[in-house]
Amino acid sequence: RRFVESLGPQWAGLSLTMPLKRLVQPLLDTQSATALAVGSVNTVVLGDAGRAGHNTDVHGIVAALGEGGVGALAPGDSVVLGGGATAASAVAALAALGDPEPTVVVRSRERAGEVLSAGSRLGASPRLAGFDEVDGGLLAGCAAAVSTVPASGIDAVTALLDQAGPV
């Protein structure tokens, strides 16, 4: 809080990662519609109008998937690994591509409430599953997968990829 409030006119903005994507929100004067819908901010623009929060993750995920050859998706075609702020952005991106029902695989169901709430605000209905409930077949059979799992959880992702084989 003190750092953000101390920023002077020499600052144009900030790029944020977790856990700051949600923590910065109460410090902002405005937020874009996308930031409000997904419940996270990764870019703060500082100016005469104050501190404005934006979420560029959704656009970035859509663009990256497009560059990877992913076009229109059907409901249930995709998987999100992880349940945090970036996972909520991934749900929004997949919904924009046509899948409002991705499977969201999480390490902790108790901590996945915000991604489910974001899905609801977006008109999406993500299906929740635990890493211990799925196998590599889930990844092998999907049209698109987005991992938002931090380095501390990479072992669970690696295990699923190993089970999936070449995808």
Protein backbone atom coordinates (compact mmCIF):
# COMPACT_ATOMS: atom_id res chain seq x y z
CA ARG A 1 0.00 0.00 0.00
CA ARG A 2 2.71 2.46 1.00
CA PHE A 3 4.69 1.84 -2.18
CA VAL A 4 1.71 2.38 -4.52
CA GLU A 5 0.57 5.45 -2.62
CA SER A 6 4.10 6.91 -2.76
CA LEU A 7 4.43 6.79 -6.55
CA GLY A 8 5.07 10.22 -8.00
CA PRO A 9 4.53 11.73 -11.45
CA GLN A 10 7.73 10.15 -12.76
CA TRP A 11 5.93 6.79 -12.73
CA ALA A 12 3.80 5.83 -15.76
CA GLY A 13 2.53 2.56 -14.38
CA LEU A 14 3.20 -0.88 -12.97
CA SER A 15 3.17 -4.44 -14.21
CA LEU A 16 2.03 -6.83 -11.50
CA THR A 17 2.13 -10.53 -10.83
CA MET A 18 0.76 -12.67 -8.01
CA PRO A 19 -0.07 -12.07 -5.26
CA LEU A 20 -0.37 -8.40 -6.20
CA LYS A 21 -3.03 -8.88 -8.92
CA ARG A 22 -5.78 -8.92 -6.31
CA LEU A 23 -4.12 -6.98 -3.50
CA VAL A 24 -3.78 -3.80 -5.59
CA GLN A 25 -7.48 -3.54 -6.42
CA PRO A 26 -8.57 -1.56 -3.32
CA LEU A 27 -5.85 1.00 -4.10
CA LEU A 28 -7.21 1.85 -7.55
CA ASP A 29 -9.44 4.71 -8.62
CA THR A 30 -10.87 2.82 -11.60
CA GLN A 31 -10.73 -0.67 -13.14
CA SER A 32 -11.46 -1.83 -16.66
CA ALA A 33 -14.48 -4.02 -17.31
CA THR A 34 -12.22 -7.00 -17.91
CA ALA A 35 -10.35 -6.46 -14.65
CA LEU A 36 -13.63 -6.26 -12.75
CA ALA A 37 -15.03 -9.38 -14.45
CA VAL A 38 -12.01 -11.60 -13.81
CA GLY A 39 -11.25 -10.07 -10.42
CA SER A 40 -7.60 -9.25 -11.05
CA VAL A 41 -5.36 -6.46 -12.30
CA ASN A 42 -1.95 -7.02 -13.86
CA THR A 43 -1.36 -3.49 -15.17
CA VAL A 44 -1.76 -0.19 -13.35
CA VAL A 45 -1.64 3.02 -15.37
CA LEU A 46 -0.85 6.16 -13.41
CA GLY A 47 -2.04 9.53 -14.65
CA ASP A 48 -4.02 12.68 -14.01
CA ALA A 49 -7.16 10.60 -13.46
CA GLY A 50 -5.45 8.56 -10.76
CA ARG A 51 -4.61 4.86 -10.66
CA ALA A 52 -6.38 2.79 -13.32
CA GLY A 53 -6.26 -1.00 -13.21
CA HIS A 54 -6.35 -3.22 -16.27
CA ASN A 55 -6.15 -6.91 -17.06
CA THR A 56 -4.16 -7.74 -20.19
CA ASP A 57 -3.90 -11.45 -19.38
CA VAL A 58 -7.17 -12.33 -21.13
CA HIS A 59 -6.12 -10.75 -24.42
CA GLY A 60 -2.64 -12.24 -24.09
CA ILE A 61 -3.97 -15.76 -23.56
CA VAL A 62 -6.37 -15.46 -26.52
CA ALA A 63 -3.52 -14.19 -28.71
CA ALA A 64 -1.09 -16.90 -27.56
CA LEU A 65 -3.62 -19.66 -28.19
CA GLY A 66 -4.38 -18.19 -31.62
CA GLU A 67 -0.68 -18.13 -32.50
CA GLY A 68 -0.54 -21.77 -31.38
CA GLY A 69 -3.27 -22.70 -33.85
CA VAL A 70 -6.23 -22.78 -31.47
CA GLY A 71 -9.32 -21.39 -33.15
CA ALA A 72 -12.93 -21.70 -32.08
CA LEU A 73 -13.53 -24.04 -29.17
CA ALA A 74 -16.62 -26.00 -28.24
CA PRO A 75 -18.01 -26.18 -24.69
CA GLY A 76 -15.94 -28.59 -22.60
CA ASP A 77 -12.99 -28.58 -25.06
CA SER A 78 -10.43 -26.97 -22.78
CA VAL A 79 -8.57 -27.30 -19.50
CA VAL A 80 -7.12 -24.74 -17.10
CA LEU A 81 -4.50 -25.93 -14.65
CA GLY A 82 -4.56 -23.80 -11.52
CA GLY A 83 -7.19 -21.83 -9.65
CA GLY A 84 -5.79 -18.36 -8.95
CA ALA A 85 -6.11 -14.95 -10.57
CA THR A 86 -4.45 -15.97 -13.84
CA ALA A 87 -6.73 -19.02 -14.01
CA ALA A 88 -9.73 -16.67 -13.89
CA SER A 89 -8.22 -14.81 -16.86
CA ALA A 90 -7.72 -18.13 -18.65
CA VAL A 91 -11.40 -19.01 -18.08
CA ALA A 92 -12.35 -15.65 -19.62
CA ALA A 93 -10.05 -16.23 -22.59
CA LEU A 94 -11.38 -19.73 -23.23
CA ALA A 95 -14.97 -18.47 -22.97
CA ALA A 96 -14.11 -15.79 -25.55
CA LEU A 97 -12.88 -18.57 -27.84
CA GLY A 98 -16.14 -20.50 -27.41
CA ASP A 99 -15.67 -22.70 -24.35
CA PRO A 100 -17.64 -21.39 -21.38
CA GLU A 101 -17.28 -24.78 -19.65
CA PRO A 102 -13.57 -25.52 -19.27
CA THR A 103 -12.36 -27.99 -16.69
CA VAL A 104 -10.35 -26.13 -14.04
CA VAL A 105 -7.91 -28.46 -12.28
CA VAL A 106 -6.78 -27.19 -8.89
CA ARG A 107 -4.51 -28.22 -6.07
CA SER A 108 -6.97 -26.90 -3.48
CA ARG A 109 -10.73 -26.74 -4.02
CA GLU A 110 -10.99 -24.45 -0.99
CA ARG A 111 -8.94 -21.78 -2.76
CA ALA A 112 -10.78 -22.01 -6.11
CA GLY A 113 -13.80 -19.92 -5.13
CA GLU A 114 -12.57 -16.79 -6.85
CA VAL A 115 -12.07 -18.50 -10.22
CA LEU A 116 -15.59 -19.92 -9.96
CA SER A 117 -16.96 -16.48 -9.04
CA ALA A 118 -15.15 -14.92 -11.99
CA GLY A 119 -16.62 -17.60 -14.24
CA SER A 120 -20.08 -16.75 -12.98
CA ARG A 121 -19.55 -13.02 -13.65
CA LEU A 122 -18.44 -13.92 -17.18
CA GLY A 123 -21.42 -16.17 -17.86
CA ALA A 124 -19.15 -19.21 -17.83
CA SER A 125 -19.59 -22.42 -15.87
CA PRO A 126 -16.15 -23.90 -15.28
CA ARG A 127 -16.07 -27.45 -13.94
CA LEU A 128 -13.78 -27.94 -10.97
CA ALA A 129 -11.56 -31.00 -10.49
CA GLY A 130 -8.65 -31.75 -8.20
CA PHE A 131 -5.24 -32.79 -9.50
CA ASP A 132 -5.77 -36.02 -7.57
CA GLU A 133 -9.04 -36.68 -9.49
CA VAL A 134 -7.78 -36.47 -13.07
CA ASP A 135 -5.25 -38.24 -15.23
CA GLY A 136 -3.33 -37.45 -18.39
CA GLY A 137 -6.30 -38.45 -20.53
CA LEU A 138 -7.89 -35.13 -19.67
CA LEU A 139 -5.03 -33.26 -21.36
CA ALA A 140 -4.67 -35.73 -24.22
CA GLY A 141 -8.34 -35.27 -25.11
CA CYS A 142 -8.63 -31.49 -24.91
CA ALA A 143 -8.36 -28.92 -27.70
CA ALA A 144 -6.58 -26.33 -25.53
CA ALA A 145 -4.86 -26.33 -22.15
CA VAL A 146 -3.58 -23.36 -20.17
CA SER A 147 -1.34 -23.85 -17.16
CA THR A 148 -1.36 -21.08 -14.56
CA VAL A 149 0.31 -23.16 -11.88
CA PRO A 150 3.30 -21.45 -10.21
CA ALA A 151 6.70 -23.12 -10.02
CA SER A 152 5.84 -24.52 -6.59
CA GLY A 153 3.17 -26.74 -8.16
CA ILE A 154 4.95 -27.78 -11.33
CA ASP A 155 5.35 -31.40 -10.18
CA ALA A 156 1.58 -31.95 -10.44
CA VAL A 157 1.54 -30.49 -13.96
CA THR A 158 4.54 -32.58 -15.01
CA ALA A 159 2.86 -35.74 -13.74
CA LEU A 160 -0.25 -35.02 -15.84
CA LEU A 161 1.85 -34.30 -18.93
CA ASP A 162 3.80 -37.51 -18.44
CA GLN A 163 0.52 -39.46 -18.26
CA ALA A 164 -0.87 -37.70 -21.34
CA GLY A 165 2.06 -38.67 -23.55
CA PRO A 166 2.57 -36.72 -26.78
CA VAL A 167 -0.18 -34.13 -27.22
